[in-house]
Amino acid sequence: APHPDGFASAAELVAGLREVADFEISVAAYPETHPQADCPASDLDNLKRKLDAGATRAITQFFFAPDTFFRFRDAARRHGIEAPIVPGILPVTNVARAREFAGLCGAAIPDWMDGLFEGLDRRPAARQLVAATLAAELCRRLYAGGVREYHFYTLNRADLSYAICHMLGRRPRGEADG
């Protein structure tokens, strides 16, 4: 529920921020539909309201199948949403914890992911390798579908995000191998 002294909706917050200054404003989008939305169409209506209020882009909740993002992006375009939609990427190192997050936001975690991490509870380096490989492969498949921007949910694991970017060929300017 909204704070009694606050904004009634995210769209109102965006409009309020827009009155303050010309900020870059990103808003949430849900490729698998927000858990409190009545249906996908009403969820897209809400996203459109936030963007029409002045948001400059939408960043999606995490997902694990590229087709989930592409279906959502295409539905958003059909719904009249033209703003950039940036996919949210969650590198998973702990499937049980990821399932908890997913339950809160309506995201699906594929059953096959459990098998990839099975037996790695005491092998953090191997978990990191699997996580980086999965996230990089998802980004590669999104790239093949025209995506050029990504948002990483780092969860304070900068090294993992750095490794993923490295696997994708993105390196800091002027950094020498060492």
N, C-alpha and C. Protein backbone atom coordinates (compact mmCIF):
# COMPACT_ATOMS: atom_id res chain seq x y z
N ALA A 1 0.84 -1.19 0.00
CA ALA A 1 0.00 0.00 0.00
C ALA A 1 0.88 1.25 0.00
N PRO A 2 0.45 2.27 -0.68
CA PRO A 2 1.23 3.51 -0.71
C PRO A 2 1.31 4.14 0.68
N HIS A 3 2.39 4.87 0.90
CA HIS A 3 2.56 5.62 2.14
C HIS A 3 1.50 6.72 2.18
N PRO A 4 0.86 6.96 3.32
CA PRO A 4 -0.22 7.95 3.37
C PRO A 4 0.22 9.36 2.97
N ASP A 5 1.48 9.68 3.17
CA ASP A 5 1.98 11.01 2.80
C ASP A 5 2.77 10.98 1.50
N GLY A 6 2.72 9.86 0.80
CA GLY A 6 3.53 9.71 -0.40
C GLY A 6 2.71 9.69 -1.67
N PHE A 7 3.30 9.15 -2.69
CA PHE A 7 2.65 9.03 -4.00
C PHE A 7 1.77 7.79 -4.02
N ALA A 8 0.68 7.87 -4.74
CA ALA A 8 -0.27 6.76 -4.80
C ALA A 8 0.19 5.64 -5.73
N SER A 9 1.11 5.95 -6.64
CA SER A 9 1.56 4.95 -7.60
C SER A 9 2.95 5.30 -8.10
N ALA A 10 3.57 4.34 -8.75
CA ALA A 10 4.88 4.59 -9.35
C ALA A 10 4.78 5.66 -10.43
N ALA A 11 3.68 5.68 -11.18
CA ALA A 11 3.50 6.71 -12.21
C ALA A 11 3.47 8.10 -11.60
N GLU A 12 2.80 8.24 -10.45
CA GLU A 12 2.78 9.54 -9.77
C GLU A 12 4.18 9.92 -9.28
N LEU A 13 4.94 8.96 -8.78
CA LEU A 13 6.31 9.23 -8.36
C LEU A 13 7.15 9.71 -9.53
N VAL A 14 7.04 9.03 -10.66
CA VAL A 14 7.78 9.44 -11.86
C VAL A 14 7.41 10.87 -12.25
N ALA A 15 6.13 11.17 -12.27
CA ALA A 15 5.68 12.52 -12.62
C ALA A 15 6.24 13.54 -11.63
N GLY A 16 6.26 13.19 -10.35
CA GLY A 16 6.82 14.08 -9.34
C GLY A 16 8.30 14.32 -9.54
N LEU A 17 9.04 13.27 -9.85
CA LEU A 17 10.47 13.41 -10.13
C LEU A 17 10.71 14.27 -11.37
N ARG A 18 9.87 14.08 -12.36
CA ARG A 18 10.00 14.83 -13.61
C ARG A 18 9.82 16.33 -13.36
N GLU A 19 9.00 16.70 -12.37
CA GLU A 19 8.80 18.10 -12.02
C GLU A 19 10.03 18.70 -11.35
N VAL A 20 10.84 17.87 -10.69
CA VAL A 20 12.02 18.35 -9.97
C VAL A 20 13.16 18.67 -10.92
N ALA A 21 13.44 17.76 -11.85
CA ALA A 21 14.56 17.95 -12.77
C ALA A 21 14.43 16.96 -13.92
N ASP A 22 15.30 17.13 -14.89
CA ASP A 22 15.31 16.27 -16.08
C ASP A 22 16.15 15.02 -15.81
N PHE A 23 15.70 14.21 -14.86
CA PHE A 23 16.40 12.99 -14.49
C PHE A 23 16.24 11.92 -15.56
N GLU A 24 17.21 10.99 -15.59
CA GLU A 24 17.02 9.72 -16.29
C GLU A 24 16.28 8.84 -15.29
N ILE A 25 15.11 8.38 -15.64
CA ILE A 25 14.29 7.60 -14.70
C ILE A 25 14.00 6.23 -15.31
N SER A 26 14.41 5.20 -14.57
CA SER A 26 14.12 3.83 -14.98
C SER A 26 13.01 3.29 -14.10
N VAL A 27 12.11 2.53 -14.70
CA VAL A 27 11.00 1.92 -13.96
C VAL A 27 11.02 0.41 -14.15
N ALA A 28 10.34 -0.28 -13.26
CA ALA A 28 10.29 -1.74 -13.29
C ALA A 28 9.32 -2.24 -14.34
N ALA A 29 9.70 -3.36 -14.96
CA ALA A 29 8.84 -4.06 -15.91
C ALA A 29 8.91 -5.55 -15.57
N TYR A 30 7.84 -6.26 -15.86
CA TYR A 30 7.72 -7.66 -15.45
C TYR A 30 7.41 -8.56 -16.64
N PRO A 31 8.42 -9.19 -17.22
CA PRO A 31 8.19 -10.06 -18.38
C PRO A 31 7.24 -11.22 -18.09
N GLU A 32 7.18 -11.64 -16.83
CA GLU A 32 6.30 -12.75 -16.47
C GLU A 32 5.09 -12.25 -15.67
N THR A 33 4.80 -10.97 -15.79
CA THR A 33 3.66 -10.28 -15.18
C THR A 33 3.84 -10.13 -13.66
N HIS A 34 3.63 -8.91 -13.20
CA HIS A 34 3.73 -8.62 -11.77
C HIS A 34 2.75 -9.51 -11.01
N PRO A 35 3.17 -10.06 -9.87
CA PRO A 35 2.30 -10.98 -9.14
C PRO A 35 0.98 -10.35 -8.69
N GLN A 36 0.92 -9.04 -8.56
CA GLN A 36 -0.33 -8.40 -8.13
C GLN A 36 -1.15 -7.86 -9.29
N ALA A 37 -0.68 -8.05 -10.51
CA ALA A 37 -1.43 -7.57 -11.69
C ALA A 37 -2.59 -8.52 -11.97
N ASP A 38 -3.68 -7.95 -12.45
CA ASP A 38 -4.85 -8.77 -12.80
C ASP A 38 -4.56 -9.69 -13.98
N CYS A 39 -3.78 -9.18 -14.94
CA CYS A 39 -3.47 -9.93 -16.15
C CYS A 39 -2.31 -9.24 -16.86
N PRO A 40 -1.71 -9.88 -17.85
CA PRO A 40 -0.60 -9.24 -18.56
C PRO A 40 -0.96 -7.88 -19.17
N ALA A 41 -2.17 -7.74 -19.69
CA ALA A 41 -2.56 -6.46 -20.32
C ALA A 41 -2.61 -5.34 -19.29
N SER A 42 -3.13 -5.60 -18.09
CA SER A 42 -3.18 -4.55 -17.07
C SER A 42 -1.78 -4.21 -16.58
N ASP A 43 -0.90 -5.21 -16.57
CA ASP A 43 0.49 -4.95 -16.19
C ASP A 43 1.16 -4.04 -17.23
N LEU A 44 0.89 -4.29 -18.51
CA LEU A 44 1.43 -3.42 -19.57
C LEU A 44 0.81 -2.02 -19.50
N ASP A 45 -0.47 -1.93 -19.14
CA ASP A 45 -1.09 -0.62 -18.94
C ASP A 45 -0.34 0.17 -17.86
N ASN A 46 -0.01 -0.51 -16.78
CA ASN A 46 0.71 0.14 -15.69
C ASN A 46 2.10 0.60 -16.14
N LEU A 47 2.80 -0.26 -16.88
CA LEU A 47 4.11 0.13 -17.40
C LEU A 47 3.98 1.34 -18.31
N LYS A 48 2.99 1.35 -19.16
CA LYS A 48 2.79 2.48 -20.07
C LYS A 48 2.51 3.77 -19.29
N ARG A 49 1.73 3.68 -18.21
CA ARG A 49 1.46 4.86 -17.38
C ARG A 49 2.76 5.43 -16.81
N LYS A 50 3.65 4.55 -16.34
CA LYS A 50 4.93 5.00 -15.77
C LYS A 50 5.79 5.67 -16.83
N LEU A 51 5.82 5.10 -18.01
CA LEU A 51 6.62 5.68 -19.09
C LEU A 51 6.00 6.98 -19.60
N ASP A 52 4.69 7.00 -19.73
CA ASP A 52 4.01 8.23 -20.17
C ASP A 52 4.18 9.35 -19.15
N ALA A 53 4.38 8.99 -17.88
CA ALA A 53 4.57 10.00 -16.83
C ALA A 53 5.96 10.61 -16.88
N GLY A 54 6.86 10.02 -17.69
CA GLY A 54 8.18 10.62 -17.85
C GLY A 54 9.37 9.71 -17.65
N ALA A 55 9.15 8.43 -17.38
CA ALA A 55 10.28 7.51 -17.26
C ALA A 55 10.96 7.38 -18.62
N THR A 56 12.27 7.18 -18.60
CA THR A 56 13.03 7.12 -19.84
C THR A 56 13.28 5.70 -20.33
N ARG A 57 13.14 4.74 -19.44
CA ARG A 57 13.36 3.34 -19.83
C ARG A 57 12.72 2.44 -18.78
N ALA A 58 12.58 1.19 -19.16
CA ALA A 58 12.12 0.17 -18.22
C ALA A 58 13.22 -0.88 -18.08
N ILE A 59 13.41 -1.35 -16.87
CA ILE A 59 14.34 -2.45 -16.60
C ILE A 59 13.49 -3.61 -16.11
N THR A 60 13.69 -4.77 -16.72
CA THR A 60 12.84 -5.90 -16.37
C THR A 60 13.30 -6.60 -15.10
N GLN A 61 12.35 -7.27 -14.51
CA GLN A 61 12.65 -8.23 -13.47
C GLN A 61 13.47 -9.33 -14.13
N PHE A 62 14.23 -10.08 -13.35
CA PHE A 62 15.05 -11.14 -13.95
C PHE A 62 14.18 -12.24 -14.53
N PHE A 63 14.76 -12.96 -15.46
CA PHE A 63 14.13 -14.08 -16.14
C PHE A 63 15.26 -14.96 -16.63
N PHE A 64 14.96 -16.17 -17.09
CA PHE A 64 16.02 -17.09 -17.49
C PHE A 64 15.86 -17.64 -18.90
N ALA A 65 14.79 -17.31 -19.57
CA ALA A 65 14.58 -17.77 -20.94
C ALA A 65 14.49 -16.55 -21.85
N PRO A 66 15.35 -16.47 -22.86
CA PRO A 66 15.32 -15.31 -23.76
C PRO A 66 13.94 -15.08 -24.37
N ASP A 67 13.24 -16.16 -24.70
CA ASP A 67 11.91 -16.01 -25.31
C ASP A 67 10.94 -15.29 -24.39
N THR A 68 11.13 -15.43 -23.09
CA THR A 68 10.29 -14.70 -22.13
C THR A 68 10.45 -13.20 -22.35
N PHE A 69 11.69 -12.76 -22.50
CA PHE A 69 11.95 -11.33 -22.75
C PHE A 69 11.40 -10.91 -24.10
N PHE A 70 11.67 -11.69 -25.14
CA PHE A 70 11.25 -11.29 -26.49
C PHE A 70 9.72 -11.21 -26.60
N ARG A 71 9.02 -12.16 -26.00
CA ARG A 71 7.55 -12.09 -26.00
C ARG A 71 7.06 -10.83 -25.29
N PHE A 72 7.68 -10.52 -24.15
CA PHE A 72 7.29 -9.33 -23.40
C PHE A 72 7.59 -8.06 -24.20
N ARG A 73 8.79 -7.98 -24.75
CA ARG A 73 9.16 -6.80 -25.54
C ARG A 73 8.20 -6.60 -26.71
N ASP A 74 7.88 -7.68 -27.40
CA ASP A 74 6.97 -7.58 -28.54
C ASP A 74 5.56 -7.18 -28.10
N ALA A 75 5.10 -7.73 -26.98
CA ALA A 75 3.78 -7.35 -26.46
C ALA A 75 3.76 -5.88 -26.05
N ALA A 76 4.85 -5.42 -25.46
CA ALA A 76 4.94 -4.01 -25.06
C ALA A 76 4.87 -3.10 -26.29
N ARG A 77 5.55 -3.47 -27.35
CA ARG A 77 5.51 -2.67 -28.58
C ARG A 77 4.09 -2.64 -29.15
N ARG A 78 3.43 -3.78 -29.16
CA ARG A 78 2.04 -3.83 -29.63
C ARG A 78 1.12 -2.99 -28.74
N HIS A 79 1.51 -2.82 -27.51
CA HIS A 79 0.74 -2.04 -26.53
C HIS A 79 1.05 -0.54 -26.63
N GLY A 80 1.90 -0.17 -27.58
CA GLY A 80 2.24 1.24 -27.77
C GLY A 80 3.40 1.73 -26.93
N ILE A 81 4.17 0.83 -26.36
CA ILE A 81 5.33 1.20 -25.55
C ILE A 81 6.56 1.19 -26.45
N GLU A 82 7.16 2.37 -26.62
CA GLU A 82 8.32 2.51 -27.50
C GLU A 82 9.62 2.75 -26.74
N ALA A 83 9.55 3.04 -25.46
CA ALA A 83 10.75 3.31 -24.66
C ALA A 83 11.64 2.07 -24.62
N PRO A 84 12.94 2.27 -24.40
CA PRO A 84 13.83 1.11 -24.26
C PRO A 84 13.41 0.21 -23.10
N ILE A 85 13.49 -1.08 -23.35
CA ILE A 85 13.23 -2.08 -22.31
C ILE A 85 14.51 -2.87 -22.14
N VAL A 86 15.13 -2.71 -20.98
CA VAL A 86 16.44 -3.31 -20.70
C VAL A 86 16.22 -4.59 -19.90
N PRO A 87 16.76 -5.71 -20.37
CA PRO A 87 16.57 -6.97 -19.63
C PRO A 87 17.38 -7.00 -18.35
N GLY A 88 16.75 -7.45 -17.27
CA GLY A 88 17.42 -7.63 -16.00
C GLY A 88 17.98 -9.05 -15.92
N ILE A 89 19.27 -9.13 -15.66
CA ILE A 89 19.97 -10.42 -15.62
C ILE A 89 20.40 -10.71 -14.19
N LEU A 90 20.00 -11.85 -13.67
CA LEU A 90 20.41 -12.27 -12.32
C LEU A 90 21.34 -13.46 -12.44
N PRO A 91 22.64 -13.25 -12.19
CA PRO A 91 23.56 -14.39 -12.14
C PRO A 91 23.26 -15.21 -10.88
N VAL A 92 22.90 -16.45 -11.06
CA VAL A 92 22.47 -17.30 -9.94
C VAL A 92 23.63 -18.16 -9.47
N THR A 93 23.97 -18.03 -8.19
CA THR A 93 24.95 -18.95 -7.60
C THR A 93 24.30 -19.84 -6.55
N ASN A 94 23.09 -19.49 -6.13
CA ASN A 94 22.37 -20.26 -5.13
C ASN A 94 20.92 -20.38 -5.61
N VAL A 95 20.57 -21.55 -6.12
CA VAL A 95 19.25 -21.74 -6.73
C VAL A 95 18.15 -21.59 -5.68
N ALA A 96 18.36 -22.08 -4.47
CA ALA A 96 17.33 -21.97 -3.44
C ALA A 96 17.03 -20.50 -3.14
N ARG A 97 18.07 -19.70 -3.02
CA ARG A 97 17.88 -18.26 -2.77
C ARG A 97 17.20 -17.59 -3.96
N ALA A 98 17.60 -17.97 -5.16
CA ALA A 98 16.98 -17.41 -6.37
C ALA A 98 15.50 -17.76 -6.42
N ARG A 99 15.15 -18.97 -5.99
CA ARG A 99 13.73 -19.37 -5.97
C ARG A 99 12.94 -18.49 -4.99
N GLU A 100 13.56 -18.13 -3.87
CA GLU A 100 12.89 -17.22 -2.92
C GLU A 100 12.62 -15.88 -3.59
N PHE A 101 13.63 -15.31 -4.25
CA PHE A 101 13.46 -14.03 -4.96
C PHE A 101 12.37 -14.17 -6.02
N ALA A 102 12.44 -15.26 -6.76
CA ALA A 102 11.49 -15.47 -7.86
C ALA A 102 10.06 -15.54 -7.33
N GLY A 103 9.88 -16.17 -6.19
CA GLY A 103 8.55 -16.27 -5.61
C GLY A 103 7.96 -14.91 -5.25
N LEU A 104 8.82 -13.98 -4.89
CA LEU A 104 8.35 -12.64 -4.52
C LEU A 104 7.96 -11.80 -5.73
N CYS A 105 8.56 -12.09 -6.87
CA CYS A 105 8.35 -11.20 -8.03
C CYS A 105 7.67 -11.89 -9.21
N GLY A 106 7.29 -13.14 -9.05
CA GLY A 106 6.56 -13.81 -10.11
C GLY A 106 7.43 -14.33 -11.24
N ALA A 107 8.71 -14.50 -11.00
CA ALA A 107 9.61 -15.02 -12.04
C ALA A 107 9.70 -16.54 -11.92
N ALA A 108 9.88 -17.20 -13.05
CA ALA A 108 10.01 -18.65 -13.08
C ALA A 108 11.49 -19.04 -13.16
N ILE A 109 11.85 -20.06 -12.41
CA ILE A 109 13.20 -20.61 -12.49
C ILE A 109 13.06 -22.00 -13.08
N PRO A 110 13.74 -22.25 -14.20
CA PRO A 110 13.60 -23.56 -14.85
C PRO A 110 14.15 -24.69 -13.98
N ASP A 111 13.49 -25.83 -14.03
CA ASP A 111 13.90 -26.98 -13.23
C ASP A 111 15.32 -27.43 -13.55
N TRP A 112 15.75 -27.29 -14.81
CA TRP A 112 17.08 -27.75 -15.20
C TRP A 112 18.19 -27.02 -14.45
N MET A 113 17.88 -25.83 -13.91
CA MET A 113 18.92 -25.08 -13.22
C MET A 113 19.38 -25.80 -11.95
N ASP A 114 18.47 -26.48 -11.28
CA ASP A 114 18.85 -27.22 -10.07
C ASP A 114 19.96 -28.23 -10.37
N GLY A 115 19.82 -28.94 -11.48
CA GLY A 115 20.81 -29.95 -11.84
C GLY A 115 22.19 -29.38 -12.10
N LEU A 116 22.25 -28.18 -12.65
CA LEU A 116 23.55 -27.57 -12.94
C LEU A 116 24.33 -27.23 -11.68
N PHE A 117 23.62 -26.94 -10.60
CA PHE A 117 24.29 -26.55 -9.36
C PHE A 117 24.36 -27.69 -8.34
N GLU A 118 23.76 -28.82 -8.68
CA GLU A 118 23.76 -29.96 -7.77
C GLU A 118 25.19 -30.40 -7.45
N GLY A 119 25.47 -30.59 -6.16
CA GLY A 119 26.78 -31.05 -5.73
C GLY A 119 27.83 -29.95 -5.63
N LEU A 120 27.43 -28.71 -5.83
CA LEU A 120 28.41 -27.62 -5.80
C LEU A 120 28.31 -26.76 -4.55
N ASP A 121 27.56 -27.22 -3.55
CA ASP A 121 27.37 -26.41 -2.35
C ASP A 121 28.70 -26.01 -1.70
N ARG A 122 29.67 -26.89 -1.74
CA ARG A 122 30.96 -26.61 -1.09
C ARG A 122 32.05 -26.25 -2.10
N ARG A 123 31.62 -25.89 -3.28
CA ARG A 123 32.57 -25.53 -4.34
C ARG A 123 32.19 -24.16 -4.92
N PRO A 124 32.49 -23.09 -4.18
CA PRO A 124 32.07 -21.76 -4.63
C PRO A 124 32.66 -21.34 -5.97
N ALA A 125 33.89 -21.74 -6.25
CA ALA A 125 34.49 -21.36 -7.54
C ALA A 125 33.74 -22.01 -8.69
N ALA A 126 33.34 -23.26 -8.52
CA ALA A 126 32.59 -23.95 -9.57
C ALA A 126 31.20 -23.32 -9.73
N ARG A 127 30.57 -22.96 -8.61
CA ARG A 127 29.26 -22.28 -8.69
C ARG A 127 29.39 -20.97 -9.45
N GLN A 128 30.45 -20.22 -9.19
CA GLN A 128 30.67 -18.94 -9.88
C GLN A 128 30.85 -19.18 -11.38
N LEU A 129 31.57 -20.22 -11.74
CA LEU A 129 31.80 -20.52 -13.15
C LEU A 129 30.48 -20.87 -13.84
N VAL A 130 29.68 -21.72 -13.21
CA VAL A 130 28.38 -22.08 -13.78
C VAL A 130 27.51 -20.83 -13.90
N ALA A 131 27.47 -20.01 -12.86
CA ALA A 131 26.64 -18.80 -12.87
C ALA A 131 27.06 -17.85 -13.98
N ALA A 132 28.35 -17.63 -14.12
CA ALA A 132 28.85 -16.71 -15.16
C ALA A 132 28.53 -17.25 -16.54
N THR A 133 28.70 -18.54 -16.74
CA THR A 133 28.43 -19.15 -18.04
C THR A 133 26.95 -19.04 -18.40
N LEU A 134 26.07 -19.34 -17.45
CA LEU A 134 24.63 -19.24 -17.70
C LEU A 134 24.22 -17.81 -18.05
N ALA A 135 24.70 -16.85 -17.28
CA ALA A 135 24.32 -15.45 -17.52
C ALA A 135 24.89 -14.96 -18.85
N ALA A 136 26.13 -15.31 -19.15
CA ALA A 136 26.73 -14.88 -20.41
C ALA A 136 25.99 -15.50 -21.60
N GLU A 137 25.60 -16.76 -21.49
CA GLU A 137 24.85 -17.40 -22.58
C GLU A 137 23.49 -16.74 -22.77
N LEU A 138 22.82 -16.40 -21.69
CA LEU A 138 21.55 -15.68 -21.79
C LEU A 138 21.76 -14.35 -22.51
N CYS A 139 22.80 -13.62 -22.13
CA CYS A 139 23.09 -12.34 -22.79
C CYS A 139 23.41 -12.53 -24.26
N ARG A 140 24.15 -13.56 -24.60
CA ARG A 140 24.47 -13.82 -26.01
C ARG A 140 23.20 -14.08 -26.82
N ARG A 141 22.29 -14.84 -26.25
CA ARG A 141 21.04 -15.14 -26.96
C ARG A 141 20.17 -13.89 -27.08
N LEU A 142 20.17 -13.05 -26.07
CA LEU A 142 19.44 -11.78 -26.15
C LEU A 142 20.08 -10.87 -27.20
N TYR A 143 21.41 -10.86 -27.23
CA TYR A 143 22.13 -10.05 -28.22
C TYR A 143 21.75 -10.48 -29.64
N ALA A 144 21.66 -11.78 -29.85
CA ALA A 144 21.28 -12.30 -31.17
C ALA A 144 19.88 -11.83 -31.56
N GLY A 145 19.06 -11.51 -30.57
CA GLY A 145 17.71 -11.00 -30.83
C GLY A 145 17.62 -9.49 -30.84
N GLY A 146 18.77 -8.81 -30.86
CA GLY A 146 18.77 -7.35 -30.99
C GLY A 146 18.99 -6.56 -29.72
N VAL A 147 19.16 -7.20 -28.59
CA VAL A 147 19.36 -6.49 -27.33
C VAL A 147 20.80 -5.98 -27.26
N ARG A 148 20.96 -4.72 -26.83
CA ARG A 148 22.30 -4.13 -26.73
C ARG A 148 22.61 -3.57 -25.35
N GLU A 149 21.64 -3.58 -24.46
CA GLU A 149 21.86 -3.10 -23.10
C GLU A 149 21.36 -4.16 -22.13
N TYR A 150 22.04 -4.26 -20.98
CA TYR A 150 21.68 -5.23 -19.96
C TYR A 150 21.79 -4.57 -18.60
N HIS A 151 20.96 -5.02 -17.68
CA HIS A 151 21.06 -4.59 -16.28
C HIS A 151 21.36 -5.84 -15.47
N PHE A 152 22.49 -5.83 -14.75
CA PHE A 152 22.85 -6.98 -13.93
C PHE A 152 22.44 -6.75 -12.49
N TYR A 153 21.69 -7.69 -11.95
CA TYR A 153 21.39 -7.68 -10.52
C TYR A 153 22.59 -8.32 -9.84
N THR A 154 23.51 -7.50 -9.35
CA THR A 154 24.80 -7.99 -8.86
C THR A 154 24.72 -8.61 -7.47
N LEU A 155 23.79 -8.16 -6.65
CA LEU A 155 23.68 -8.65 -5.27
C LEU A 155 25.04 -8.60 -4.58
N ASN A 156 25.75 -7.50 -4.80
CA ASN A 156 27.06 -7.25 -4.19
C ASN A 156 28.13 -8.27 -4.60
N ARG A 157 27.98 -8.84 -5.79
CA ARG A 157 28.99 -9.77 -6.30
C ARG A 157 29.62 -9.15 -7.55
N ALA A 158 30.41 -8.13 -7.36
CA ALA A 158 31.00 -7.41 -8.48
C ALA A 158 31.89 -8.33 -9.32
N ASP A 159 32.64 -9.22 -8.69
CA ASP A 159 33.54 -10.09 -9.44
C ASP A 159 32.79 -10.96 -10.44
N LEU A 160 31.62 -11.44 -10.05
CA LEU A 160 30.83 -12.28 -10.94
C LEU A 160 30.35 -11.48 -12.15
N SER A 161 29.86 -10.28 -11.91
CA SER A 161 29.41 -9.43 -13.02
C SER A 161 30.58 -9.05 -13.92
N TYR A 162 31.73 -8.79 -13.32
CA TYR A 162 32.93 -8.49 -14.09
C TYR A 162 33.28 -9.67 -15.00
N ALA A 163 33.23 -10.88 -14.46
CA ALA A 163 33.55 -12.08 -15.25
C ALA A 163 32.57 -12.25 -16.40
N ILE A 164 31.29 -12.00 -16.15
CA ILE A 164 30.28 -12.12 -17.21
C ILE A 164 30.58 -11.12 -18.32
N CYS A 165 30.84 -9.88 -17.95
CA CYS A 165 31.17 -8.87 -18.96
C CYS A 165 32.42 -9.26 -19.74
N HIS A 166 33.40 -9.80 -19.04
CA HIS A 166 34.62 -10.25 -19.71
C HIS A 166 34.30 -11.35 -20.73
N MET A 167 33.45 -12.30 -20.34
CA MET A 167 33.06 -13.38 -21.25
C MET A 167 32.32 -12.85 -22.47
N LEU A 168 31.65 -11.71 -22.31
CA LEU A 168 30.91 -11.09 -23.42
C LEU A 168 31.78 -10.17 -24.26
N GLY A 169 33.07 -10.08 -23.89
CA GLY A 169 33.99 -9.25 -24.66
C GLY A 169 34.02 -7.79 -24.24
N ARG A 170 33.42 -7.47 -23.11
CA ARG A 170 33.41 -6.09 -22.62
C ARG A 170 34.49 -5.95 -21.56
N ARG A 171 35.41 -5.03 -21.80
CA ARG A 171 36.52 -4.81 -20.88
C ARG A 171 36.65 -3.31 -20.58
N PRO A 172 37.11 -2.97 -19.39
CA PRO A 172 37.34 -1.55 -19.10
C PRO A 172 38.38 -0.98 -20.06
N ARG A 173 38.16 0.26 -20.47
CA ARG A 173 39.11 0.92 -21.36
C ARG A 173 40.45 1.08 -20.67
N GLY A 174 41.51 0.78 -21.40
CA GLY A 174 42.86 0.99 -20.89
C GLY A 174 43.34 -0.03 -19.89
N GLU A 175 42.54 -1.03 -19.59
CA GLU A 175 42.98 -2.03 -18.63
C GLU A 175 43.82 -3.08 -19.33
N ALA A 176 45.00 -3.28 -18.83
CA ALA A 176 45.90 -4.29 -19.41
C ALA A 176 45.70 -5.60 -18.66
N ASP A 177 45.91 -6.69 -19.37
CA ASP A 177 45.86 -7.99 -18.70
C ASP A 177 47.01 -8.05 -17.71
N GLY A 178 46.77 -8.66 -16.60
CA GLY A 178 47.85 -8.68 -15.64
C GLY A 178 47.80 -9.73 -14.68
